[in-house]
Amino acid sequence: MPTLKKTALVTNAENHVCLAAVRSLGKNKLDVTCYFL
């Protein structure tokens, strides 16, 4: 399975959502980067 890179634009209030997505997708070998507005 190839590694996919995703970018998530989030506000500080959505920080926990983005981090949860990173952990969830990480289990599927996805690399997620969160940028904070």
PDB file of N, CA and C in Angstrom:
ATOM      1  N   MET A   1       0.852  -1.192   0.000  1.00  0.00           N
ATOM      2  CA  MET A   1       0.000   0.000   0.000  1.00  0.00           C
ATOM      3  C   MET A   1       0.887   1.242   0.000  1.00  0.00           C
ATOM      4  N   PRO A   2       0.717   2.129  -0.979  1.00  0.00           N
ATOM      5  CA  PRO A   2       1.534   3.342  -1.053  1.00  0.00           C
ATOM      6  C   PRO A   2       1.203   4.308   0.072  1.00  0.00           C
ATOM      7  N   THR A   3       2.187   5.102   0.431  1.00  0.00           N
ATOM      8  CA  THR A   3       1.969   6.100   1.469  1.00  0.00           C
ATOM      9  C   THR A   3       1.367   7.340   0.829  1.00  0.00           C
ATOM     10  N   LEU A   4       0.236   7.781   1.359  1.00  0.00           N
ATOM     11  CA  LEU A   4      -0.431   8.971   0.835  1.00  0.00           C
ATOM     12  C   LEU A   4      -0.199  10.130   1.784  1.00  0.00           C
ATOM     13  N   LYS A   5      -0.047  11.303   1.209  1.00  0.00           N
ATOM     14  CA  LYS A   5       0.159  12.476   2.049  1.00  0.00           C
ATOM     15  C   LYS A   5      -1.065  13.372   1.971  1.00  0.00           C
ATOM     16  N   LYS A   6      -1.561  13.757   3.120  1.00  0.00           N
ATOM     17  CA  LYS A   6      -2.732  14.628   3.183  1.00  0.00           C
ATOM     18  C   LYS A   6      -2.363  15.879   3.960  1.00  0.00           C
ATOM     19  N   THR A   7      -3.041  16.970   3.644  1.00  0.00           N
ATOM     20  CA  THR A   7      -2.818  18.211   4.376  1.00  0.00           C
ATOM     21  C   THR A   7      -4.141  18.664   4.964  1.00  0.00           C
ATOM     22  N   ALA A   8      -4.134  18.997   6.220  1.00  0.00           N
ATOM     23  CA  ALA A   8      -5.351  19.448   6.884  1.00  0.00           C
ATOM     24  C   ALA A   8      -5.149  20.867   7.400  1.00  0.00           C
ATOM     25  N   LEU A   9      -6.064  21.752   7.008  1.00  0.00           N
ATOM     26  CA  LEU A   9      -6.022  23.119   7.519  1.00  0.00           C
ATOM     27  C   LEU A   9      -7.006  23.204   8.671  1.00  0.00           C
ATOM     28  N   VAL A  10      -6.505  23.540   9.840  1.00  0.00           N
ATOM     29  CA  VAL A  10      -7.375  23.522  11.015  1.00  0.00           C
ATOM     30  C   VAL A  10      -7.170  24.762  11.876  1.00  0.00           C
ATOM     31  N   THR A  11      -8.185  25.072  12.649  1.00  0.00           N
ATOM     32  CA  THR A  11      -8.059  26.139  13.636  1.00  0.00           C
ATOM     33  C   THR A  11      -7.623  25.492  14.940  1.00  0.00           C
ATOM     34  N   ASN A  12      -7.232  26.279  15.914  1.00  0.00           N
ATOM     35  CA  ASN A  12      -6.802  25.711  17.191  1.00  0.00           C
ATOM     36  C   ASN A  12      -7.919  24.886  17.817  1.00  0.00           C
ATOM     37  N   ALA A  13      -9.172  25.305  17.616  1.00  0.00           N
ATOM     38  CA  ALA A  13     -10.303  24.581  18.194  1.00  0.00           C
ATOM     39  C   ALA A  13     -10.436  23.191  17.578  1.00  0.00           C
ATOM     40  N   GLU A  14      -9.929  23.037  16.349  1.00  0.00           N
ATOM     41  CA  GLU A  14     -10.049  21.749  15.669  1.00  0.00           C
ATOM     42  C   GLU A  14      -8.776  20.924  15.801  1.00  0.00           C
ATOM     43  N   ASN A  15      -7.854  21.412  16.607  1.00  0.00           N
ATOM     44  CA  ASN A  15      -6.567  20.740  16.767  1.00  0.00           C
ATOM     45  C   ASN A  15      -6.741  19.280  17.163  1.00  0.00           C
ATOM     46  N   HIS A  16      -7.609  19.013  18.157  1.00  0.00           N
ATOM     47  CA  HIS A  16      -7.791  17.643  18.633  1.00  0.00           C
ATOM     48  C   HIS A  16      -8.383  16.758  17.539  1.00  0.00           C
ATOM     49  N   VAL A  17      -9.202  17.344  16.661  1.00  0.00           N
ATOM     50  CA  VAL A  17      -9.801  16.569  15.572  1.00  0.00           C
ATOM     51  C   VAL A  17      -8.725  16.168  14.577  1.00  0.00           C
ATOM     52  N   CYS A  18      -7.856  17.122  14.266  1.00  0.00           N
ATOM     53  CA  CYS A  18      -6.786  16.846  13.310  1.00  0.00           C
ATOM     54  C   CYS A  18      -5.830  15.805  13.868  1.00  0.00           C
ATOM     55  N   LEU A  19      -5.470  15.930  15.126  1.00  0.00           N
ATOM     56  CA  LEU A  19      -4.545  14.968  15.731  1.00  0.00           C
ATOM     57  C   LEU A  19      -5.166  13.579  15.769  1.00  0.00           C
ATOM     58  N   ALA A  20      -6.482  13.521  15.999  1.00  0.00           N
ATOM     59  CA  ALA A  20      -7.165  12.227  16.007  1.00  0.00           C
ATOM     60  C   ALA A  20      -7.119  11.610  14.613  1.00  0.00           C
ATOM     61  N   ALA A  21      -7.263  12.462  13.595  1.00  0.00           N
ATOM     62  CA  ALA A  21      -7.209  11.977  12.215  1.00  0.00           C
ATOM     63  C   ALA A  21      -5.810  11.468  11.894  1.00  0.00           C
ATOM     64  N   VAL A  22      -4.796  12.163  12.394  1.00  0.00           N
ATOM     65  CA  VAL A  22      -3.413  11.733  12.173  1.00  0.00           C
ATOM     66  C   VAL A  22      -3.200  10.344  12.761  1.00  0.00           C
ATOM     67  N   ARG A  23      -3.681  10.137  13.979  1.00  0.00           N
ATOM     68  CA  ARG A  23      -3.504   8.825  14.620  1.00  0.00           C
ATOM     69  C   ARG A  23      -4.283   7.748  13.870  1.00  0.00           C
ATOM     70  N   SER A  24      -5.518   8.065  13.479  1.00  0.00           N
ATOM     71  CA  SER A  24      -6.363   7.093  12.793  1.00  0.00           C
ATOM     72  C   SER A  24      -5.775   6.724  11.439  1.00  0.00           C
ATOM     73  N   LEU A  25      -5.408   7.754  10.657  1.00  0.00           N
ATOM     74  CA  LEU A  25      -4.879   7.507   9.322  1.00  0.00           C
ATOM     75  C   LEU A  25      -3.491   6.895   9.385  1.00  0.00           C
ATOM     76  N   GLY A  26      -2.762   7.214  10.459  1.00  0.00           N
ATOM     77  CA  GLY A  26      -1.424   6.656  10.607  1.00  0.00           C
ATOM     78  C   GLY A  26      -1.459   5.136  10.653  1.00  0.00           C
ATOM     79  N   LYS A  27      -2.546   4.594  11.186  1.00  0.00           N
ATOM     80  CA  LYS A  27      -2.685   3.141  11.255  1.00  0.00           C
ATOM     81  C   LYS A  27      -2.824   2.549   9.858  1.00  0.00           C
ATOM     82  N   ASN A  28      -3.247   3.385   8.909  1.00  0.00           N
ATOM     83  CA  ASN A  28      -3.399   2.938   7.526  1.00  0.00           C
ATOM     84  C   ASN A  28      -2.232   3.415   6.677  1.00  0.00           C
ATOM     85  N   LYS A  29      -1.127   3.743   7.346  1.00  0.00           N
ATOM     86  CA  LYS A  29       0.091   4.176   6.671  1.00  0.00           C
ATOM     87  C   LYS A  29      -0.104   5.459   5.871  1.00  0.00           C
ATOM     88  N   LEU A  30      -0.946   6.342   6.365  1.00  0.00           N
ATOM     89  CA  LEU A  30      -1.134   7.638   5.717  1.00  0.00           C
ATOM     90  C   LEU A  30      -0.367   8.680   6.512  1.00  0.00           C
ATOM     91  N   ASP A  31       0.206   9.629   5.802  1.00  0.00           N
ATOM     92  CA  ASP A  31       0.978  10.679   6.467  1.00  0.00           C
ATOM     93  C   ASP A  31       0.182  11.971   6.392  1.00  0.00           C
ATOM     94  N   VAL A  32      -0.258  12.457   7.540  1.00  0.00           N
ATOM     95  CA  VAL A  32      -1.094  13.654   7.577  1.00  0.00           C
ATOM     96  C   VAL A  32      -0.335  14.792   8.235  1.00  0.00           C
ATOM     97  N   THR A  33      -0.364  15.940   7.606  1.00  0.00           N
ATOM     98  CA  THR A  33       0.272  17.126   8.166  1.00  0.00           C
ATOM     99  C   THR A  33      -0.803  18.148   8.487  1.00  0.00           C
ATOM    100  N   CYS A  34      -0.758  18.688   9.699  1.00  0.00           N
ATOM    101  CA  CYS A  34      -1.747  19.674  10.115  1.00  0.00           C
ATOM    102  C   CYS A  34      -1.107  21.057  10.154  1.00  0.00           C
ATOM    103  N   TYR A  35      -1.783  22.012   9.558  1.00  0.00           N
ATOM    104  CA  TYR A  35      -1.319  23.395   9.626  1.00  0.00           C
ATOM    105  C   TYR A  35      -2.316  24.180  10.455  1.00  0.00           C
ATOM    106  N   PHE A  36      -1.829  25.027  11.338  1.00  0.00           N
ATOM    107  CA  PHE A  36      -2.712  25.763  12.231  1.00  0.00           C
ATOM    108  C   PHE A  36      -2.877  27.194  11.763  1.00  0.00           C
ATOM    109  N   LEU A  37      -4.137  27.629  11.649  1.00  0.00           N
ATOM    110  CA  LEU A  37      -4.441  28.974  11.166  1.00  0.00           C
ATOM    111  C   LEU A  37      -4.298  29.979  12.298  1.00  0.00           C
TER     112      LEU A  37
END
